[in-house]
Structure formats: C-alpha cells, structure tokens
C-alpha cells in the first residue's frame, strides 16, 4: 500500500515528459524572429535545436544567421567550412533553444 503514492508520482512525471516546448523560427536577426515566431512540441526522437551560422570572411563583414526548432535525431557540434562556421546545439528542456539565452546547454 505504501507503493501506491510512489507509483502515482512516477506516472505524473512520465505524463509530463512529452510536453517539452521549443522555439521555432527560420530566421532570427538581432535576437528577434523575422517571421511569426512559433513553438513546437517535441516528439519522441526530437530535441530543441538552435543553429548559428557564422560568415566570418564575408565582404560585408562578420555576420550570423540563427534558426531554431524541433529537430529529429539532432546532433550538437561544430562544422567549419571555407566561408562559414555552423554551430548546432540540441537539448531536451523547455525553450532551451531560445537565442536570447547567452548559453545553450547541449546534449
């Protein structure tokens, strides 16, 4: 009989597991979404993703492009190319991909 409250608490925690919300925007400029910012709810194989693309060698000078959303099979990492650097961060916490945060916790 002592295990019944513990079992109920476990079910409560599991029921909240599928309600993680993330920011969703195809293009941020100066920390603001250029389009109608939305939210998405994570599915089982997804993470909140934020991807920053730096163009450090452009003629116009250094600038960046940021996008965010729910991403399946998301992998955090850094890719360096000839003209751009892409940094991807993935996490499974509410709004962990908000670009207004100074630091994103990656999985």
N, C-alpha and C. Protein backbone atom coordinates (compact mmCIF):
# COMPACT_ATOMS: atom_id res chain seq x y z
N UNK A 1 0.81 -1.19 0.00
CA UNK A 1 0.00 0.00 0.00
C UNK A 1 0.86 1.26 0.00
N UNK A 2 2.05 1.21 0.59
CA UNK A 2 2.94 2.36 0.58
C UNK A 2 3.45 2.67 -0.81
N UNK A 3 3.44 1.71 -1.72
CA UNK A 3 3.98 1.91 -3.06
C UNK A 3 3.00 2.63 -3.99
N UNK A 4 1.73 2.68 -3.63
CA UNK A 4 0.73 3.32 -4.49
C UNK A 4 1.00 4.81 -4.73
N UNK A 5 1.28 5.64 -3.69
CA UNK A 5 1.59 7.05 -3.97
C UNK A 5 2.84 7.23 -4.83
N UNK A 6 3.85 6.39 -4.62
CA UNK A 6 5.07 6.46 -5.42
C UNK A 6 4.79 6.13 -6.88
N UNK A 7 3.93 5.12 -7.10
CA UNK A 7 3.55 4.74 -8.46
C UNK A 7 2.81 5.90 -9.14
N UNK A 8 1.92 6.56 -8.41
CA UNK A 8 1.18 7.71 -8.95
C UNK A 8 2.10 8.85 -9.32
N UNK A 9 3.09 9.11 -8.48
CA UNK A 9 4.07 10.16 -8.76
C UNK A 9 4.89 9.82 -10.00
N UNK A 10 5.25 8.56 -10.16
CA UNK A 10 6.00 8.13 -11.34
C UNK A 10 5.19 8.36 -12.61
N UNK A 11 3.90 8.05 -12.57
CA UNK A 11 3.04 8.28 -13.74
C UNK A 11 2.93 9.77 -14.05
N UNK A 12 2.87 10.61 -13.03
CA UNK A 12 2.78 12.05 -13.23
C UNK A 12 4.03 12.56 -13.94
N UNK A 13 5.21 12.09 -13.52
CA UNK A 13 6.46 12.51 -14.15
C UNK A 13 6.51 12.04 -15.61
N UNK A 14 6.06 10.83 -15.87
CA UNK A 14 6.08 10.31 -17.24
C UNK A 14 5.10 11.07 -18.13
N UNK A 15 3.98 11.47 -17.58
CA UNK A 15 3.00 12.17 -18.41
C UNK A 15 3.50 13.54 -18.84
N UNK A 16 4.38 14.16 -18.05
CA UNK A 16 4.92 15.46 -18.41
C UNK A 16 6.10 15.38 -19.36
N UNK A 17 6.61 14.18 -19.60
CA UNK A 17 7.81 14.02 -20.41
C UNK A 17 7.58 14.43 -21.85
N UNK A 18 6.38 14.31 -22.38
CA UNK A 18 6.13 14.63 -23.78
C UNK A 18 5.68 16.04 -24.02
N UNK A 19 5.79 16.92 -23.05
CA UNK A 19 5.29 18.28 -23.21
C UNK A 19 6.40 19.32 -23.27
N UNK A 20 7.54 18.96 -23.76
CA UNK A 20 8.65 19.92 -23.87
C UNK A 20 8.40 20.81 -25.08
N UNK A 21 8.44 22.12 -24.84
CA UNK A 21 8.21 23.11 -25.89
C UNK A 21 9.53 23.74 -26.31
N UNK A 22 9.62 24.07 -27.60
CA UNK A 22 10.82 24.71 -28.15
C UNK A 22 10.40 25.93 -28.97
N UNK A 23 11.31 26.87 -29.10
CA UNK A 23 11.11 27.99 -30.02
C UNK A 23 11.24 27.47 -31.44
N UNK A 24 10.51 28.09 -32.37
CA UNK A 24 10.61 27.70 -33.77
C UNK A 24 10.62 28.96 -34.63
N UNK A 25 11.69 29.14 -35.39
CA UNK A 25 11.83 30.29 -36.28
C UNK A 25 12.89 29.96 -37.32
N UNK A 26 12.61 30.29 -38.56
CA UNK A 26 13.57 30.00 -39.64
C UNK A 26 14.70 31.02 -39.71
N UNK A 27 14.46 32.24 -39.19
CA UNK A 27 15.49 33.26 -39.32
C UNK A 27 15.37 34.31 -38.21
N UNK A 28 16.38 34.38 -37.37
CA UNK A 28 16.46 35.41 -36.33
C UNK A 28 17.43 36.49 -36.79
N UNK A 29 17.11 37.72 -36.48
CA UNK A 29 18.03 38.83 -36.74
C UNK A 29 18.04 39.70 -35.49
N UNK A 30 19.23 39.96 -34.96
CA UNK A 30 19.40 40.74 -33.74
C UNK A 30 18.54 40.21 -32.61
N UNK A 31 18.45 38.88 -32.49
CA UNK A 31 17.72 38.25 -31.41
C UNK A 31 16.21 38.20 -31.56
N UNK A 32 15.69 38.72 -32.66
CA UNK A 32 14.24 38.71 -32.89
C UNK A 32 13.92 37.89 -34.12
N UNK A 33 12.83 37.14 -34.05
CA UNK A 33 12.41 36.33 -35.18
C UNK A 33 11.88 37.25 -36.29
N UNK A 34 12.38 37.08 -37.50
CA UNK A 34 11.96 37.90 -38.63
C UNK A 34 10.59 37.47 -39.16
N UNK A 35 10.16 36.28 -38.81
CA UNK A 35 8.85 35.79 -39.21
C UNK A 35 8.05 35.57 -37.93
N UNK A 36 6.82 35.13 -38.06
CA UNK A 36 5.99 34.87 -36.88
C UNK A 36 6.61 33.73 -36.07
N UNK A 37 7.13 34.06 -34.91
CA UNK A 37 7.74 33.04 -34.07
C UNK A 37 6.66 32.09 -33.55
N UNK A 38 6.99 30.82 -33.55
CA UNK A 38 6.06 29.81 -33.08
C UNK A 38 6.74 28.93 -32.06
N UNK A 39 5.99 27.98 -31.52
CA UNK A 39 6.57 26.96 -30.67
C UNK A 39 6.25 25.60 -31.28
N UNK A 40 7.04 24.62 -30.92
CA UNK A 40 6.76 23.25 -31.34
C UNK A 40 6.91 22.36 -30.11
N UNK A 41 6.23 21.24 -30.12
CA UNK A 41 6.29 20.27 -29.03
C UNK A 41 7.13 19.09 -29.49
N UNK A 42 8.10 18.72 -28.66
CA UNK A 42 9.00 17.63 -29.03
C UNK A 42 8.25 16.31 -29.16
N UNK A 43 8.63 15.58 -30.21
CA UNK A 43 8.20 14.20 -30.37
C UNK A 43 9.29 13.33 -29.77
N UNK A 44 9.08 12.04 -29.74
CA UNK A 44 9.97 11.12 -29.03
C UNK A 44 11.44 11.23 -29.46
N UNK A 45 11.71 11.33 -30.75
CA UNK A 45 13.10 11.32 -31.23
C UNK A 45 13.64 12.72 -31.52
N UNK A 46 13.01 13.76 -31.01
CA UNK A 46 13.40 15.12 -31.33
C UNK A 46 14.05 15.83 -30.14
N UNK A 47 14.77 16.91 -30.47
CA UNK A 47 15.37 17.81 -29.48
C UNK A 47 15.10 19.24 -29.91
N UNK A 48 15.16 20.16 -28.94
CA UNK A 48 15.14 21.59 -29.27
C UNK A 48 16.49 21.90 -29.90
N UNK A 49 16.48 22.46 -31.09
CA UNK A 49 17.71 22.73 -31.82
C UNK A 49 17.83 24.23 -32.07
N UNK A 50 19.04 24.73 -31.89
CA UNK A 50 19.36 26.09 -32.34
C UNK A 50 20.65 25.97 -33.16
N UNK A 51 20.63 26.59 -34.32
CA UNK A 51 21.77 26.51 -35.21
C UNK A 51 22.19 27.92 -35.58
N UNK A 52 23.46 28.20 -35.33
CA UNK A 52 24.03 29.51 -35.66
C UNK A 52 25.03 29.33 -36.78
N UNK A 53 24.84 30.11 -37.83
CA UNK A 53 25.75 30.05 -38.98
C UNK A 53 26.52 31.37 -39.03
N UNK A 54 27.83 31.28 -38.86
CA UNK A 54 28.69 32.46 -38.90
C UNK A 54 29.34 32.56 -40.27
N UNK A 55 29.43 33.78 -40.78
CA UNK A 55 30.13 34.06 -42.04
C UNK A 55 31.27 35.03 -41.71
N UNK A 56 32.36 34.52 -41.13
CA UNK A 56 33.42 35.41 -40.64
C UNK A 56 34.25 36.08 -41.73
N UNK A 57 34.21 35.57 -42.96
CA UNK A 57 35.08 36.10 -44.00
C UNK A 57 34.30 36.78 -45.12
N UNK A 58 33.05 37.16 -44.86
CA UNK A 58 32.25 37.77 -45.92
C UNK A 58 32.73 39.20 -46.21
N UNK A 59 32.43 39.66 -47.40
CA UNK A 59 32.82 41.02 -47.82
C UNK A 59 32.15 42.07 -46.95
N UNK A 60 30.90 41.80 -46.54
CA UNK A 60 30.15 42.75 -45.72
C UNK A 60 30.64 42.78 -44.28
N UNK A 61 31.53 41.92 -43.92
CA UNK A 61 32.00 41.80 -42.55
C UNK A 61 31.32 40.62 -41.88
N UNK A 62 31.76 40.31 -40.68
CA UNK A 62 31.24 39.15 -39.96
C UNK A 62 29.75 39.32 -39.65
N UNK A 63 28.97 38.32 -39.97
CA UNK A 63 27.56 38.33 -39.57
C UNK A 63 27.11 36.90 -39.31
N UNK A 64 25.94 36.76 -38.72
CA UNK A 64 25.45 35.44 -38.38
C UNK A 64 23.98 35.29 -38.73
N UNK A 65 23.59 34.06 -38.87
CA UNK A 65 22.22 33.69 -39.17
C UNK A 65 21.83 32.63 -38.15
N UNK A 66 20.66 32.76 -37.51
CA UNK A 66 20.24 31.81 -36.48
C UNK A 66 18.87 31.25 -36.85
N UNK A 67 18.72 29.94 -36.66
CA UNK A 67 17.42 29.31 -36.82
C UNK A 67 17.20 28.35 -35.67
N UNK A 68 15.92 28.09 -35.35
CA UNK A 68 15.60 27.24 -34.20
C UNK A 68 14.34 26.44 -34.49
N UNK A 69 14.22 25.28 -33.83
CA UNK A 69 13.02 24.47 -33.98
C UNK A 69 13.18 23.11 -33.32
N UNK A 70 12.21 22.24 -33.57
CA UNK A 70 12.26 20.85 -33.11
C UNK A 70 12.94 20.04 -34.20
N UNK A 71 13.97 19.32 -33.85
CA UNK A 71 14.79 18.62 -34.85
C UNK A 71 14.90 17.13 -34.52
N UNK A 72 14.54 16.26 -35.47
CA UNK A 72 14.71 14.82 -35.23
C UNK A 72 16.19 14.44 -35.29
N UNK A 73 16.59 13.51 -34.43
CA UNK A 73 17.96 12.99 -34.40
C UNK A 73 19.01 14.10 -34.38
N UNK A 74 18.77 15.12 -33.60
CA UNK A 74 19.64 16.29 -33.53
C UNK A 74 21.00 15.92 -32.94
N UNK A 75 22.05 16.45 -33.53
CA UNK A 75 23.42 16.22 -33.06
C UNK A 75 24.09 17.58 -32.83
N UNK A 76 24.53 17.81 -31.61
CA UNK A 76 25.26 19.04 -31.30
C UNK A 76 26.66 18.95 -31.90
N UNK A 77 27.15 20.07 -32.38
CA UNK A 77 28.50 20.06 -32.93
C UNK A 77 28.83 21.33 -33.68
N UNK A 78 30.02 21.33 -34.24
CA UNK A 78 30.53 22.48 -34.98
C UNK A 78 31.11 21.99 -36.31
N UNK A 79 30.68 22.62 -37.39
CA UNK A 79 31.21 22.31 -38.72
C UNK A 79 31.88 23.55 -39.27
N UNK A 80 33.09 23.41 -39.74
CA UNK A 80 33.85 24.53 -40.29
C UNK A 80 34.05 24.31 -41.77
N UNK A 81 33.60 25.28 -42.55
CA UNK A 81 33.74 25.24 -44.00
C UNK A 81 34.58 26.42 -44.44
N UNK A 82 34.84 26.51 -45.73
CA UNK A 82 35.69 27.57 -46.26
C UNK A 82 35.17 28.97 -45.94
N UNK A 83 33.84 29.17 -46.05
CA UNK A 83 33.29 30.52 -45.88
C UNK A 83 32.33 30.65 -44.71
N UNK A 84 32.06 29.56 -43.99
CA UNK A 84 31.12 29.64 -42.88
C UNK A 84 31.43 28.62 -41.79
N UNK A 85 30.95 28.92 -40.60
CA UNK A 85 31.05 28.03 -39.45
C UNK A 85 29.63 27.80 -38.94
N UNK A 86 29.25 26.54 -38.77
CA UNK A 86 27.90 26.20 -38.32
C UNK A 86 28.00 25.53 -36.96
N UNK A 87 27.34 26.12 -35.97
CA UNK A 87 27.31 25.56 -34.63
C UNK A 87 25.88 25.13 -34.33
N UNK A 88 25.70 23.86 -34.02
CA UNK A 88 24.38 23.30 -33.72
C UNK A 88 24.35 22.85 -32.26
N UNK A 89 23.33 23.27 -31.53
CA UNK A 89 23.16 22.86 -30.14
C UNK A 89 21.78 22.23 -29.99
N UNK A 90 21.73 21.10 -29.28
CA UNK A 90 20.49 20.34 -29.09
C UNK A 90 20.28 20.08 -27.61
N UNK A 91 19.03 20.17 -27.17
CA UNK A 91 18.72 19.93 -25.77
C UNK A 91 17.25 19.54 -25.65
N UNK A 92 16.92 18.85 -24.57
CA UNK A 92 15.54 18.43 -24.33
C UNK A 92 14.99 19.08 -23.07
N UNK A 93 15.05 20.41 -23.03
CA UNK A 93 14.48 21.19 -21.93
C UNK A 93 13.61 22.28 -22.54
N UNK A 94 12.58 22.71 -21.81
CA UNK A 94 11.67 23.72 -22.32
C UNK A 94 12.42 24.98 -22.77
N UNK A 95 12.19 25.36 -24.02
CA UNK A 95 12.72 26.59 -24.63
C UNK A 95 14.24 26.73 -24.48
N UNK A 96 14.94 25.60 -24.45
CA UNK A 96 16.40 25.62 -24.34
C UNK A 96 17.06 26.14 -25.61
N UNK A 97 16.30 26.32 -26.68
CA UNK A 97 16.86 26.84 -27.93
C UNK A 97 16.49 28.30 -28.17
N UNK A 98 16.16 29.01 -27.12
CA UNK A 98 15.83 30.44 -27.23
C UNK A 98 17.12 31.21 -27.45
N UNK A 99 17.24 31.94 -28.57
CA UNK A 99 18.51 32.65 -28.84
C UNK A 99 18.79 33.79 -27.88
N UNK A 100 17.83 34.19 -27.07
CA UNK A 100 18.10 35.26 -26.12
C UNK A 100 18.90 34.76 -24.91
N UNK A 101 18.98 33.42 -24.74
CA UNK A 101 19.84 32.87 -23.68
C UNK A 101 21.29 33.02 -24.13
N UNK A 102 22.14 33.35 -23.20
CA UNK A 102 23.55 33.54 -23.57
C UNK A 102 24.27 32.21 -23.79
N UNK A 103 23.74 31.15 -23.20
CA UNK A 103 24.42 29.85 -23.33
C UNK A 103 23.35 28.77 -23.45
N UNK A 104 23.48 27.88 -24.40
CA UNK A 104 22.56 26.77 -24.58
C UNK A 104 23.23 25.51 -24.06
N UNK A 105 22.51 24.77 -23.24
CA UNK A 105 23.03 23.50 -22.72
C UNK A 105 22.82 22.45 -23.77
N UNK A 106 23.87 21.78 -24.20
CA UNK A 106 23.79 20.77 -25.25
C UNK A 106 23.77 19.37 -24.66
N UNK A 107 23.16 18.47 -25.43
CA UNK A 107 23.16 17.07 -25.05
C UNK A 107 24.49 16.44 -25.41
